[in-house]
Protein backbone atom coordinates (compact mmCIF):
# COMPACT_ATOMS: atom_id res chain seq x y z
CA MET A 1 -6.68 -11.91 -11.69
CA TYR A 2 -4.31 -9.00 -11.00
CA LYS A 3 -1.98 -9.68 -8.12
CA LEU A 4 0.07 -6.53 -8.00
CA ILE A 5 -0.45 -3.03 -8.89
CA ALA A 6 2.55 -0.87 -8.63
CA ILE A 7 1.63 2.95 -8.34
CA ASP A 8 4.12 6.00 -8.95
CA LEU A 9 3.33 9.20 -7.26
CA ASP A 10 2.82 11.48 -10.03
CA GLY A 11 -0.11 13.80 -11.72
CA THR A 12 -2.48 11.03 -12.38
CA MET A 13 -2.21 9.44 -8.63
CA LEU A 14 -1.85 12.88 -6.99
CA ASN A 15 -3.93 16.03 -6.77
CA SER A 16 -3.03 19.56 -7.12
CA LYS A 17 -1.73 19.39 -3.39
CA GLY A 18 0.08 16.56 -3.58
CA ASP A 19 -2.53 14.20 -1.88
CA ILE A 20 -3.78 10.87 -3.03
CA SER A 21 -7.46 11.85 -4.13
CA GLU A 22 -10.38 10.10 -2.20
CA GLU A 23 -11.39 8.31 -5.77
CA ASN A 24 -8.09 6.93 -5.49
CA LYS A 25 -8.09 5.90 -2.04
CA PHE A 26 -11.42 4.19 -2.42
CA ALA A 27 -9.72 2.42 -5.61
CA ILE A 28 -6.42 1.14 -3.66
CA LYS A 29 -8.71 -0.11 -0.77
CA GLN A 30 -10.79 -2.13 -3.10
CA ALA A 31 -7.64 -3.65 -4.76
CA GLN A 32 -6.15 -4.67 -1.34
CA GLU A 33 -9.64 -6.11 -0.27
CA LYS A 34 -9.77 -8.17 -3.53
CA GLY A 35 -6.09 -9.46 -1.95
CA ILE A 36 -4.18 -7.54 -4.48
CA GLU A 37 -0.76 -6.27 -3.47
CA VAL A 38 -0.64 -2.53 -3.73
CA ILE A 39 3.13 -0.80 -3.80
CA ILE A 40 4.57 2.35 -4.19
CA ALA A 41 6.79 2.31 -7.23
CA SER A 42 8.60 5.67 -7.15
CA ARG A 43 12.24 7.18 -7.68
CA LYS A 44 11.30 9.80 -4.96
CA ILE A 45 12.83 10.06 -1.92
CA LYS A 46 11.87 7.30 0.64
CA ARG A 47 10.81 9.93 3.30
CA PHE A 48 8.30 11.63 0.92
CA SER A 49 6.93 7.90 -0.27
CA ASN A 50 6.59 6.53 3.44
CA GLU A 51 3.79 9.48 4.09
CA PHE A 52 1.69 7.79 1.36
CA ARG A 53 2.08 4.35 2.58
CA LYS A 54 -0.06 5.17 5.70
């Protein structure tokens, strides 16, 4: 079983507007409900990454 998922904020995770798609939000929520820790692993600035932690 997975214990951790590290997500990069790139074109795979983000849509053309720079938002996390509803499909990806759903997948993240499902992982969290299974007790899997989901973290952002990105070289982007902290302020930008904080917007997606919500």
